[in-house]
Amino acid sequence: MPIYGIDIKIYATAYIRADNEKQAAKRAASLNNTVLEILDAGPEVAISGRSFADPALPDLSLSPAMTIVGPENDGELERLVV
């Protein structure tokens, strides 16, 4: 059975520890066009369901709850495997 791929957008919330809003915005801007492997985003951006009050909440993390939007290309699928 063939496998098909289709691009979708995923929206996630980033939680950023920072001294002020300007510092947080700068750090958030550094994520623009970043490619993450969601299963393990690596040391750059943790995926954490920890509460805001938890001292172990990473300085920069993504919420594990994300929203999928799409597909945007009218369902055009790319056949990946024959």
Protein backbone atom coordinates (compact mmCIF):
# COMPACT_ATOMS: atom_id res chain seq x y z
CA MET A 1 0.00 0.00 0.00
CA PRO A 2 1.52 3.40 -0.96
CA ILE A 3 2.25 6.18 1.53
CA TYR A 4 1.24 9.78 0.81
CA GLY A 5 2.45 13.03 2.37
CA ILE A 6 0.66 16.35 2.63
CA ASP A 7 1.80 19.62 4.21
CA ILE A 8 -0.18 20.89 7.18
CA LYS A 9 0.40 23.77 9.59
CA ILE A 10 0.75 23.10 13.28
CA TYR A 11 0.29 25.92 15.74
CA ALA A 12 1.92 25.56 19.14
CA THR A 13 2.29 27.79 22.18
CA ALA A 14 5.81 28.62 23.32
CA TYR A 15 6.42 29.41 26.99
CA ILE A 16 9.52 31.56 27.49
CA ARG A 17 11.19 32.51 30.77
CA ALA A 18 12.69 35.97 30.38
CA ASP A 19 13.55 39.04 32.42
CA ASN A 20 11.23 41.21 30.33
CA GLU A 21 8.91 41.22 27.33
CA LYS A 22 11.61 42.47 24.95
CA GLN A 23 13.91 39.57 25.84
CA ALA A 24 11.06 37.08 25.45
CA ALA A 25 10.10 38.54 22.05
CA LYS A 26 13.71 38.30 20.85
CA ARG A 27 13.92 34.67 21.88
CA ALA A 28 10.57 33.89 20.25
CA ALA A 29 11.70 35.59 17.02
CA SER A 30 14.72 33.27 16.93
CA LEU A 31 12.32 30.35 16.43
CA ASN A 32 11.07 31.71 13.08
CA ASN A 33 11.44 29.07 10.33
CA THR A 34 12.93 26.59 12.80
CA VAL A 35 12.47 22.92 11.99
CA LEU A 36 11.67 20.77 15.01
CA GLU A 37 11.22 17.05 15.32
CA ILE A 38 8.21 17.00 17.60
CA LEU A 39 8.86 13.60 19.15
CA ASP A 40 12.14 15.02 20.44
CA ALA A 41 12.67 18.70 19.73
CA GLY A 42 16.18 18.41 21.11
CA PRO A 43 17.89 20.72 23.53
CA GLU A 44 16.84 23.89 21.69
CA VAL A 45 13.13 23.70 22.54
CA ALA A 46 11.73 21.25 25.06
CA ILE A 47 8.15 19.97 24.91
CA SER A 48 6.82 20.25 28.42
CA GLY A 49 3.45 19.85 30.06
CA ARG A 50 4.79 21.20 33.38
CA SER A 51 2.78 23.89 35.16
CA PHE A 52 3.88 27.53 35.17
CA ALA A 53 4.67 27.29 38.89
CA ASP A 54 6.95 24.26 38.46
CA PRO A 55 10.59 25.35 38.94
CA ALA A 56 11.57 22.59 36.48
CA LEU A 57 9.64 24.30 33.64
CA PRO A 58 12.33 24.85 30.97
CA ASP A 59 13.37 28.38 30.05
CA LEU A 60 11.97 27.78 26.57
CA SER A 61 9.39 25.10 25.93
CA LEU A 62 6.46 24.21 23.70
CA SER A 63 3.15 23.13 25.10
CA PRO A 64 2.37 19.50 24.16
CA ALA A 65 -1.12 20.66 23.09
CA MET A 66 -0.98 21.83 19.47
CA THR A 67 -3.50 22.73 16.76
CA ILE A 68 -3.34 21.31 13.23
CA VAL A 69 -4.63 23.52 10.40
CA GLY A 70 -4.87 22.36 6.84
CA PRO A 71 -4.24 20.96 4.43
CA GLU A 72 -4.09 24.26 2.54
CA ASN A 73 -3.29 22.95 -0.94
CA ASP A 74 -6.75 21.57 -1.78
CA GLY A 75 -5.75 18.10 -0.67
CA GLU A 76 -2.89 17.71 -3.15
CA LEU A 77 -1.01 14.65 -1.98
CA GLU A 78 2.52 13.65 -2.79
CA ARG A 79 3.04 9.91 -3.26
CA LEU A 80 6.08 9.00 -1.19
CA VAL A 81 6.33 5.23 -1.60
CA VAL A 82 5.13 2.97 -4.41
